[in-house]
C-alpha atoms as a PDB file:
ATOM      1  CA  UNK A   1      -7.403  15.816  -7.543  1.00  0.00           C
ATOM      2  CA  UNK A   2      -8.469  12.215  -8.047  1.00  0.00           C
ATOM      3  CA  UNK A   3      -6.530   9.203  -6.853  1.00  0.00           C
ATOM      4  CA  UNK A   4      -4.511   7.248  -9.390  1.00  0.00           C
ATOM      5  CA  UNK A   5      -5.490   3.781 -10.565  1.00  0.00           C
ATOM      6  CA  UNK A   6      -2.334   2.148  -9.203  1.00  0.00           C
ATOM      7  CA  UNK A   7      -3.186   3.266  -5.659  1.00  0.00           C
ATOM      8  CA  UNK A   8      -6.787   2.051  -6.008  1.00  0.00           C
ATOM      9  CA  UNK A   9      -5.751  -1.281  -7.502  1.00  0.00           C
ATOM     10  CA  UNK A  10      -3.205  -1.796  -4.742  1.00  0.00           C
ATOM     11  CA  UNK A  11      -5.792  -1.111  -2.040  1.00  0.00           C
ATOM     12  CA  UNK A  12      -8.387  -3.488  -3.490  1.00  0.00           C
ATOM     13  CA  UNK A  13      -5.741  -6.183  -3.905  1.00  0.00           C
ATOM     14  CA  UNK A  14      -4.948  -5.981  -0.171  1.00  0.00           C
ATOM     15  CA  UNK A  15      -6.821  -8.034   2.472  1.00  0.00           C
ATOM     16  CA  UNK A  16      -8.528  -4.872   3.762  1.00  0.00           C
ATOM     17  CA  UNK A  17      -9.583  -3.833   0.257  1.00  0.00           C
ATOM     18  CA  UNK A  18     -10.873  -7.297  -0.604  1.00  0.00           C
ATOM     19  CA  UNK A  19     -12.937  -7.349   2.589  1.00  0.00           C
ATOM     20  CA  UNK A  20     -14.342  -3.874   1.829  1.00  0.00           C
ATOM     21  CA  UNK A  21     -15.238  -4.888  -1.731  1.00  0.00           C
ATOM     22  CA  UNK A  22     -16.906  -8.070  -0.486  1.00  0.00           C
ATOM     23  CA  UNK A  23     -19.102  -6.135   1.953  1.00  0.00           C
ATOM     24  CA  UNK A  24     -20.078  -3.429  -0.555  1.00  0.00           C
ATOM     25  CA  UNK A  25     -20.752  -5.933  -3.332  1.00  0.00           C
ATOM     26  CA  UNK A  26     -22.975  -7.900  -0.974  1.00  0.00           C
ATOM     27  CA  UNK A  27     -25.061  -4.807  -0.303  1.00  0.00           C
ATOM     28  CA  UNK A  28     -25.557  -4.191  -4.018  1.00  0.00           C
ATOM     29  CA  UNK A  29     -26.400  -7.757  -4.977  1.00  0.00           C
ATOM     30  CA  UNK A  30     -28.866  -7.933  -2.075  1.00  0.00           C
ATOM     31  CA  UNK A  31     -30.465  -4.769  -3.420  1.00  0.00           C
ATOM     32  CA  UNK A  32     -30.596  -5.579  -7.132  1.00  0.00           C
ATOM     33  CA  UNK A  33     -30.290  -9.330  -7.352  1.00  0.00           C
ATOM     34  CA  UNK A  34     -28.249 -10.522 -10.314  1.00  0.00           C
ATOM     35  CA  UNK A  35     -29.512  -7.682 -12.589  1.00  0.00           C
ATOM     36  CA  UNK A  36     -30.110 -10.191 -15.392  1.00  0.00           C
ATOM     37  CA  UNK A  37     -30.181  -8.619 -18.832  1.00  0.00           C
ATOM     38  CA  UNK A  38     -29.913  -5.057 -17.535  1.00  0.00           C
ATOM     39  CA  UNK A  39     -27.566  -2.359 -18.776  1.00  0.00           C
ATOM     40  CA  UNK A  40     -25.219  -1.396 -15.922  1.00  0.00           C
ATOM     41  CA  UNK A  41     -22.678   1.404 -15.484  1.00  0.00           C
ATOM     42  CA  UNK A  42     -20.022   1.871 -12.813  1.00  0.00           C
ATOM     43  CA  UNK A  43     -18.740   5.420 -12.285  1.00  0.00           C
ATOM     44  CA  UNK A  44     -15.634   6.493 -10.408  1.00  0.00           C
ATOM     45  CA  UNK A  45     -13.778   3.322  -9.485  1.00  0.00           C
ATOM     46  CA  UNK A  46     -16.563   0.740  -9.245  1.00  0.00           C
ATOM     47  CA  UNK A  47     -14.670  -2.253 -10.672  1.00  0.00           C
ATOM     48  CA  UNK A  48     -14.520  -4.192  -7.363  1.00  0.00           C
ATOM     49  CA  UNK A  49     -18.321  -4.181  -6.978  1.00  0.00           C
ATOM     50  CA  UNK A  50     -19.275  -4.510 -10.650  1.00  0.00           C
ATOM     51  CA  UNK A  51     -17.517  -7.851 -10.800  1.00  0.00           C
ATOM     52  CA  UNK A  52     -19.933  -9.253  -8.213  1.00  0.00           C
ATOM     53  CA  UNK A  53     -22.695  -9.263 -10.861  1.00  0.00           C
ATOM     54  CA  UNK A  54     -20.716 -11.616 -13.093  1.00  0.00           C
ATOM     55  CA  UNK A  55     -22.085 -12.124 -16.589  1.00  0.00           C
ATOM     56  CA  UNK A  56     -25.773 -11.613 -15.684  1.00  0.00           C
ATOM     57  CA  UNK A  57     -26.171  -7.982 -16.896  1.00  0.00           C
ATOM     58  CA  UNK A  58     -26.736  -7.558 -20.610  1.00  0.00           C
ATOM     59  CA  UNK A  59     -24.174  -4.743 -20.715  1.00  0.00           C
ATOM     60  CA  UNK A  60     -21.661  -3.655 -18.095  1.00  0.00           C
ATOM     61  CA  UNK A  61     -19.401  -0.621 -18.517  1.00  0.00           C
ATOM     62  CA  UNK A  62     -16.884   0.873 -16.100  1.00  0.00           C
ATOM     63  CA  UNK A  63     -16.396   4.595 -16.716  1.00  0.00           C
ATOM     64  CA  UNK A  64     -13.073   5.638 -15.188  1.00  0.00           C
ATOM     65  CA  UNK A  65     -12.069   9.323 -14.869  1.00  0.00           C
ATOM     66  CA  UNK A  66      -9.100  10.309 -17.019  1.00  0.00           C
ATOM     67  CA  UNK A  67      -7.247  11.383 -13.878  1.00  0.00           C
ATOM     68  CA  UNK A  68      -7.113   7.815 -12.579  1.00  0.00           C
ATOM     69  CA  UNK A  69      -4.981   6.718 -15.504  1.00  0.00           C
ATOM     70  CA  UNK A  70      -5.216   3.349 -17.288  1.00  0.00           C
ATOM     71  CA  UNK A  71      -6.798   0.438 -15.429  1.00  0.00           C
ATOM     72  CA  UNK A  72      -6.878  -3.313 -15.812  1.00  0.00           C
ATOM     73  CA  UNK A  73     -10.266  -5.036 -15.645  1.00  0.00           C
ATOM     74  CA  UNK A  74     -10.519  -8.792 -16.032  1.00  0.00           C
ATOM     75  CA  UNK A  75     -14.276  -8.590 -16.676  1.00  0.00           C
ATOM     76  CA  UNK A  76     -13.587  -6.910 -20.027  1.00  0.00           C
ATOM     77  CA  UNK A  77     -12.692 -10.379 -21.303  1.00  0.00           C
ATOM     78  CA  UNK A  78     -16.386 -11.322 -20.950  1.00  0.00           C
ATOM     79  CA  UNK A  79     -17.571  -8.648 -23.382  1.00  0.00           C
ATOM     80  CA  UNK A  80     -17.750  -5.779 -20.864  1.00  0.00           C
ATOM     81  CA  UNK A  81     -15.797  -2.572 -21.332  1.00  0.00           C
ATOM     82  CA  UNK A  82     -13.927   0.100 -19.404  1.00  0.00           C
ATOM     83  CA  UNK A  83     -13.714   3.614 -20.826  1.00  0.00           C
ATOM     84  CA  UNK A  84     -11.941   6.799 -19.759  1.00  0.00           C
ATOM     85  CA  UNK A  85     -14.270   9.756 -19.234  1.00  0.00           C
ATOM     86  CA  UNK A  86     -13.993  13.461 -18.506  1.00  0.00           C
ATOM     87  CA  UNK A  87     -15.700  15.423 -15.758  1.00  0.00           C
ATOM     88  CA  UNK A  88     -18.586  16.007 -15.816  1.00  0.00           C
ATOM     89  CA  UNK A  89     -19.660  15.204 -19.411  1.00  0.00           C
ATOM     90  CA  UNK A  90     -20.168  11.480 -19.998  1.00  0.00           C
ATOM     91  CA  UNK A  91     -19.853   9.990 -23.517  1.00  0.00           C
ATOM     92  CA  UNK A  92     -23.120   8.038 -23.450  1.00  0.00           C
ATOM     93  CA  UNK A  93     -26.536   8.662 -25.052  1.00  0.00           C
ATOM     94  CA  UNK A  94     -29.570   9.646 -23.007  1.00  0.00           C
ATOM     95  CA  UNK A  95     -31.338   6.938 -21.016  1.00  0.00           C
ATOM     96  CA  UNK A  96     -28.859   4.151 -21.801  1.00  0.00           C
ATOM     97  CA  UNK A  97     -28.410   2.514 -18.382  1.00  0.00           C
ATOM     98  CA  UNK A  98     -30.895   0.675 -16.178  1.00  0.00           C
ATOM     99  CA  UNK A  99     -28.534   0.603 -13.197  1.00  0.00           C
ATOM    100  CA  UNK A 100     -25.734   3.007 -12.211  1.00  0.00           C
ATOM    101  CA  UNK A 101     -23.272   2.547  -9.340  1.00  0.00           C
ATOM    102  CA  UNK A 102     -21.088   5.445  -8.193  1.00  0.00           C
ATOM    103  CA  UNK A 103     -18.118   4.445  -6.032  1.00  0.00           C
ATOM    104  CA  UNK A 104     -15.105   6.739  -5.440  1.00  0.00           C
ATOM    105  CA  UNK A 105     -16.718   9.194  -7.809  1.00  0.00           C
ATOM    106  CA  UNK A 106     -18.723  11.707  -5.836  1.00  0.00           C
ATOM    107  CA  UNK A 107     -16.149  12.560  -3.140  1.00  0.00           C
ATOM    108  CA  UNK A 108     -13.747  14.039  -5.677  1.00  0.00           C
ATOM    109  CA  UNK A 109     -16.233  15.454  -8.181  1.00  0.00           C
ATOM    110  CA  UNK A 110     -15.569  19.127  -8.919  1.00  0.00           C
ATOM    111  CA  UNK A 111     -19.279  19.950  -9.235  1.00  0.00           C
ATOM    112  CA  UNK A 112     -21.468  17.263  -7.604  1.00  0.00           C
ATOM    113  CA  UNK A 113     -24.710  18.764  -8.962  1.00  0.00           C
ATOM    114  CA  UNK A 114     -23.433  18.807 -12.538  1.00  0.00           C
ATOM    115  CA  UNK A 115     -22.109  15.267 -12.033  1.00  0.00           C
ATOM    116  CA  UNK A 116     -25.547  14.124 -10.874  1.00  0.00           C
ATOM    117  CA  UNK A 117     -27.272  15.860 -13.801  1.00  0.00           C
ATOM    118  CA  UNK A 118     -25.163  13.798 -16.187  1.00  0.00           C
ATOM    119  CA  UNK A 119     -26.041  10.637 -14.276  1.00  0.00           C
ATOM    120  CA  UNK A 120     -29.738  11.542 -14.552  1.00  0.00           C
ATOM    121  CA  UNK A 121     -29.366  12.105 -18.289  1.00  0.00           C
ATOM    122  CA  UNK A 122     -27.835   8.708 -19.038  1.00  0.00           C
ATOM    123  CA  UNK A 123     -30.102   6.740 -16.674  1.00  0.00           C
ATOM    124  CA  UNK A 124     -33.203   5.175 -18.196  1.00  0.00           C
ATOM    125  CA  UNK A 125     -36.635   6.337 -16.969  1.00  0.00           C
ATOM    126  CA  UNK A 126     -37.393   4.431 -13.758  1.00  0.00           C
ATOM    127  CA  UNK A 127     -33.756   3.296 -13.779  1.00  0.00           C
ATOM    128  CA  UNK A 128     -32.019   3.006 -10.423  1.00  0.00           C
ATOM    129  CA  UNK A 129     -28.743   4.372  -9.130  1.00  0.00           C
ATOM    130  CA  UNK A 130     -26.701   3.863  -5.969  1.00  0.00           C
ATOM    131  CA  UNK A 131     -24.393   6.539  -4.626  1.00  0.00           C
ATOM    132  CA  UNK A 132     -21.749   5.019  -2.351  1.00  0.00           C
ATOM    133  CA  UNK A 133     -19.694   7.666  -0.563  1.00  0.00           C
ATOM    134  CA  UNK A 134     -17.475   7.925   2.489  1.00  0.00           C
ATOM    135  CA  UNK A 135     -19.548   8.668   5.594  1.00  0.00           C
ATOM    136  CA  UNK A 136     -18.550  11.924   7.256  1.00  0.00           C
ATOM    137  CA  UNK A 137     -19.370  10.420  10.664  1.00  0.00           C
ATOM    138  CA  UNK A 138     -17.478   7.167  10.098  1.00  0.00           C
ATOM    139  CA  UNK A 139     -13.903   6.105  10.789  1.00  0.00           C
ATOM    140  CA  UNK A 140     -13.084   5.367   7.167  1.00  0.00           C
ATOM    141  CA  UNK A 141     -13.342   9.006   6.073  1.00  0.00           C
ATOM    142  CA  UNK A 142     -10.413   9.689   8.433  1.00  0.00           C
ATOM    143  CA  UNK A 143      -8.336   6.751   7.184  1.00  0.00           C
ATOM    144  CA  UNK A 144      -6.165   8.516   4.621  1.00  0.00           C
ATOM    145  CA  UNK A 145      -4.340   5.271   3.814  1.00  0.00           C
ATOM    146  CA  UNK A 146      -7.546   4.074   2.110  1.00  0.00           C
ATOM    147  CA  UNK A 147      -9.455   5.514  -0.878  1.00  0.00           C
ATOM    148  CA  UNK A 148     -12.339   6.392   1.447  1.00  0.00           C
ATOM    149  CA  UNK A 149     -10.160   8.909   3.284  1.00  0.00           C
ATOM    150  CA  UNK A 150      -9.725  11.069   0.177  1.00  0.00           C
ATOM    151  CA  UNK A 151     -11.891  13.923  -1.063  1.00  0.00           C
ATOM    152  CA  UNK A 152     -15.108  15.171   0.500  1.00  0.00           C
ATOM    153  CA  UNK A 153     -17.088  12.796   2.761  1.00  0.00           C
ATOM    154  CA  UNK A 154     -20.890  12.965   2.844  1.00  0.00           C
ATOM    155  CA  UNK A 155     -23.730  12.488   5.288  1.00  0.00           C
ATOM    156  CA  UNK A 156     -26.892  10.548   4.545  1.00  0.00           C
ATOM    157  CA  UNK A 157     -28.988  13.746   4.548  1.00  0.00           C
ATOM    158  CA  UNK A 158     -26.576  15.525   2.185  1.00  0.00           C
ATOM    159  CA  UNK A 159     -26.788  12.689  -0.331  1.00  0.00           C
ATOM    160  CA  UNK A 160     -30.573  12.532  -0.036  1.00  0.00           C
ATOM    161  CA  UNK A 161     -30.883  16.271  -0.603  1.00  0.00           C
ATOM    162  CA  UNK A 162     -28.540  16.109  -3.597  1.00  0.00           C
ATOM    163  CA  UNK A 163     -30.635  13.349  -5.156  1.00  0.00           C
ATOM    164  CA  UNK A 164     -33.990  14.965  -4.432  1.00  0.00           C
ATOM    165  CA  UNK A 165     -32.797  18.219  -6.000  1.00  0.00           C
ATOM    166  CA  UNK A 166     -31.635  16.301  -9.073  1.00  0.00           C
ATOM    167  CA  UNK A 167     -35.010  14.703  -9.933  1.00  0.00           C
ATOM    168  CA  UNK A 168     -34.214  11.381  -8.318  1.00  0.00           C
ATOM    169  CA  UNK A 169     -36.511   9.847  -5.716  1.00  0.00           C
ATOM    170  CA  UNK A 170     -34.702   8.184  -2.827  1.00  0.00           C
ATOM    171  CA  UNK A 171     -35.966   4.636  -2.289  1.00  0.00           C
ATOM    172  CA  UNK A 172     -33.539   3.041   0.189  1.00  0.00           C
ATOM    173  CA  UNK A 173     -30.365   3.729   2.119  1.00  0.00           C
ATOM    174  CA  UNK A 174     -27.785   1.700   3.948  1.00  0.00           C
ATOM    175  CA  UNK A 175     -24.487   1.963   5.776  1.00  0.00           C
ATOM    176  CA  UNK A 176     -21.552  -0.397   5.352  1.00  0.00           C
ATOM    177  CA  UNK A 177     -17.960  -0.951   6.472  1.00  0.00           C
ATOM    178  CA  UNK A 178     -18.372  -1.056  10.230  1.00  0.00           C
ATOM    179  CA  UNK A 179     -15.048  -2.835  10.643  1.00  0.00           C
ATOM    180  CA  UNK A 180     -12.152  -0.545  11.591  1.00  0.00           C
ATOM    181  CA  UNK A 181      -9.937   0.380   8.604  1.00  0.00           C
ATOM    182  CA  UNK A 182      -7.034  -1.736   9.821  1.00  0.00           C
ATOM    183  CA  UNK A 183      -4.982  -4.192   7.783  1.00  0.00           C
ATOM    184  CA  UNK A 184      -5.278  -6.952  10.354  1.00  0.00           C
ATOM    185  CA  UNK A 185      -6.312 -10.515   9.658  1.00  0.00           C
ATOM    186  CA  UNK A 186      -8.455 -10.483  12.788  1.00  0.00           C
ATOM    187  CA  UNK A 187     -10.412  -7.570  11.300  1.00  0.00           C
ATOM    188  CA  UNK A 188     -10.644  -8.501   7.618  1.00  0.00           C
ATOM    189  CA  UNK A 189     -11.496 -12.164   8.151  1.00  0.00           C
ATOM    190  CA  UNK A 190     -14.470 -11.171  10.305  1.00  0.00           C
ATOM    191  CA  UNK A 191     -15.796  -8.357   8.104  1.00  0.00           C
ATOM    192  CA  UNK A 192     -19.332  -9.757   8.025  1.00  0.00           C
ATOM    193  CA  UNK A 193     -19.317 -10.095  11.801  1.00  0.00           C
ATOM    194  CA  UNK A 194     -18.355  -6.438  12.160  1.00  0.00           C
ATOM    195  CA  UNK A 195     -21.262  -5.566   9.861  1.00  0.00           C
ATOM    196  CA  UNK A 196     -23.746  -7.455  12.024  1.00  0.00           C
ATOM    197  CA  UNK A 197     -22.449  -5.842  15.218  1.00  0.00           C
ATOM    198  CA  UNK A 198     -22.409  -2.374  13.670  1.00  0.00           C
ATOM    199  CA  UNK A 199     -25.979  -2.675  12.391  1.00  0.00           C
ATOM    200  CA  UNK A 200     -27.108  -3.682  15.870  1.00  0.00           C
ATOM    201  CA  UNK A 201     -25.263  -1.147  18.024  1.00  0.00           C
ATOM    202  CA  UNK A 202     -24.262   1.783  15.781  1.00  0.00           C
ATOM    203  CA  UNK A 203     -26.662   1.814  12.792  1.00  0.00           C
ATOM    204  CA  UNK A 204     -25.848   4.533  10.298  1.00  0.00           C
ATOM    205  CA  UNK A 205     -22.258   4.948  11.462  1.00  0.00           C
ATOM    206  CA  UNK A 206     -20.553   2.668   8.971  1.00  0.00           C
ATOM    207  CA  UNK A 207     -17.647   3.932   6.924  1.00  0.00           C
ATOM    208  CA  UNK A 208     -19.725   4.230   3.745  1.00  0.00           C
ATOM    209  CA  UNK A 209     -23.230   5.543   3.095  1.00  0.00           C
ATOM    210  CA  UNK A 210     -25.159   3.952   0.232  1.00  0.00           C
ATOM    211  CA  UNK A 211     -28.269   5.649  -1.128  1.00  0.00           C
ATOM    212  CA  UNK A 212     -30.495   4.112  -3.799  1.00  0.00           C
ATOM    213  CA  UNK A 213     -32.713   6.341  -5.907  1.00  0.00           C
ATOM    214  CA  UNK A 214     -34.946   5.963  -8.942  1.00  0.00           C
ATOM    215  CA  UNK A 215     -35.003   8.330 -11.897  1.00  0.00           C
ATOM    216  CA  UNK A 216     -38.281  10.160 -12.196  1.00  0.00           C
ATOM    217  CA  UNK A 217     -39.191  12.372 -15.124  1.00  0.00           C
ATOM    218  CA  UNK A 218     -40.537  14.645 -12.418  1.00  0.00           C
ATOM    219  CA  UNK A 219     -39.796  14.347  -8.682  1.00  0.00           C
ATOM    220  CA  UNK A 220     -40.897  17.150  -6.326  1.00  0.00           C
ATOM    221  CA  UNK A 221     -38.161  18.560  -4.066  1.00  0.00           C
ATOM    222  CA  UNK A 222     -38.036  16.528  -0.885  1.00  0.00           C
ATOM    223  CA  UNK A 223     -40.242  13.899  -2.510  1.00  0.00           C
ATOM    224  CA  UNK A 224     -38.038  10.990  -1.523  1.00  0.00           C
ATOM    225  CA  UNK A 225     -39.345   8.877   1.309  1.00  0.00           C
ATOM    226  CA  UNK A 226     -37.329   8.578   4.475  1.00  0.00           C
ATOM    227  CA  UNK A 227     -34.848   5.876   3.557  1.00  0.00           C
ATOM    228  CA  UNK A 228     -34.559   2.764   5.711  1.00  0.00           C
ATOM    229  CA  UNK A 229     -31.156   2.001   7.190  1.00  0.00           C
ATOM    230  CA  UNK A 230     -28.866  -0.960   6.819  1.00  0.00           C
ATOM    231  CA  UNK A 231     -30.604  -3.877   8.468  1.00  0.00           C
ATOM    232  CA  UNK A 232     -33.935  -3.058   6.795  1.00  0.00           C
ATOM    233  CA  UNK A 233     -32.542  -2.764   3.285  1.00  0.00           C
ATOM    234  CA  UNK A 234     -33.645  -6.194   2.064  1.00  0.00           C
ATOM    235  CA  UNK A 235     -37.161  -5.666   3.406  1.00  0.00           C
ATOM    236  CA  UNK A 236     -37.408  -2.246   1.750  1.00  0.00           C
ATOM    237  CA  UNK A 237     -36.290  -3.439  -1.685  1.00  0.00           C
ATOM    238  CA  UNK A 238     -36.180  -7.207  -2.194  1.00  0.00           C
ATOM    239  CA  UNK A 239     -34.342  -8.270  -5.325  1.00  0.00           C
ATOM    240  CA  UNK A 240     -37.281 -10.212  -6.814  1.00  0.00           C
ATOM    241  CA  UNK A 241     -39.625  -7.271  -6.501  1.00  0.00           C
ATOM    242  CA  UNK A 242     -37.051  -4.999  -8.113  1.00  0.00           C
ATOM    243  CA  UNK A 243     -36.778  -7.324 -11.097  1.00  0.00           C
ATOM    244  CA  UNK A 244     -40.563  -7.558 -11.508  1.00  0.00           C
ATOM    245  CA  UNK A 245     -40.831  -3.788 -11.584  1.00  0.00           C
ATOM    246  CA  UNK A 246     -38.239  -3.587 -14.337  1.00  0.00           C
ATOM    247  CA  UNK A 247     -40.351  -5.643 -16.780  1.00  0.00           C
END
């Protein structure tokens, strides 16, 4: 059973939720730059990180599961759209999106493989996706007062195997949310400091695992390279290089 939109909105309006969104959005904008002119989709409840891209993408759609209920999205005033979708069939034509972000989508998916097949279908050839899921080894997957403590958490290897089996090639990985999931000003105001400390002393043990992959028309099983972890993410996939490849 998926979480309702009111609970998600309340969390991301809190100091802890705003800090979490800031950290995750920073990871994505570091990875993809401003995504100028690209067609972008957010699946699950990706509104807090989609907004970090502003008006740069040519198209930005938030696909919200029916079970969440109605949502409010201020970015829709800039020509973007939010739509309610079923599980797993998505109401989009093949190859529509250059970039896909999945946040709070995979943990509660009834059939993750079918869910990923739909994502592959609607992603453009050589398009890129990021799966962001609660880390089984992290503290946040145990914090049931947050959205990351709901559903099934994942490990980095599980996500990589899922992607490789679904004709995606893994290109980079990262961990995020090293701060403890506590609603304390001392924690949330220093979120970036927690990230720096976590990357140095406990790499890979953040509350969320992020895996980037590219859609291949054919990708051999296990064909994804070993993905670099958090602190090497920018080196592995600089934003300028990513934009050059897209043209």
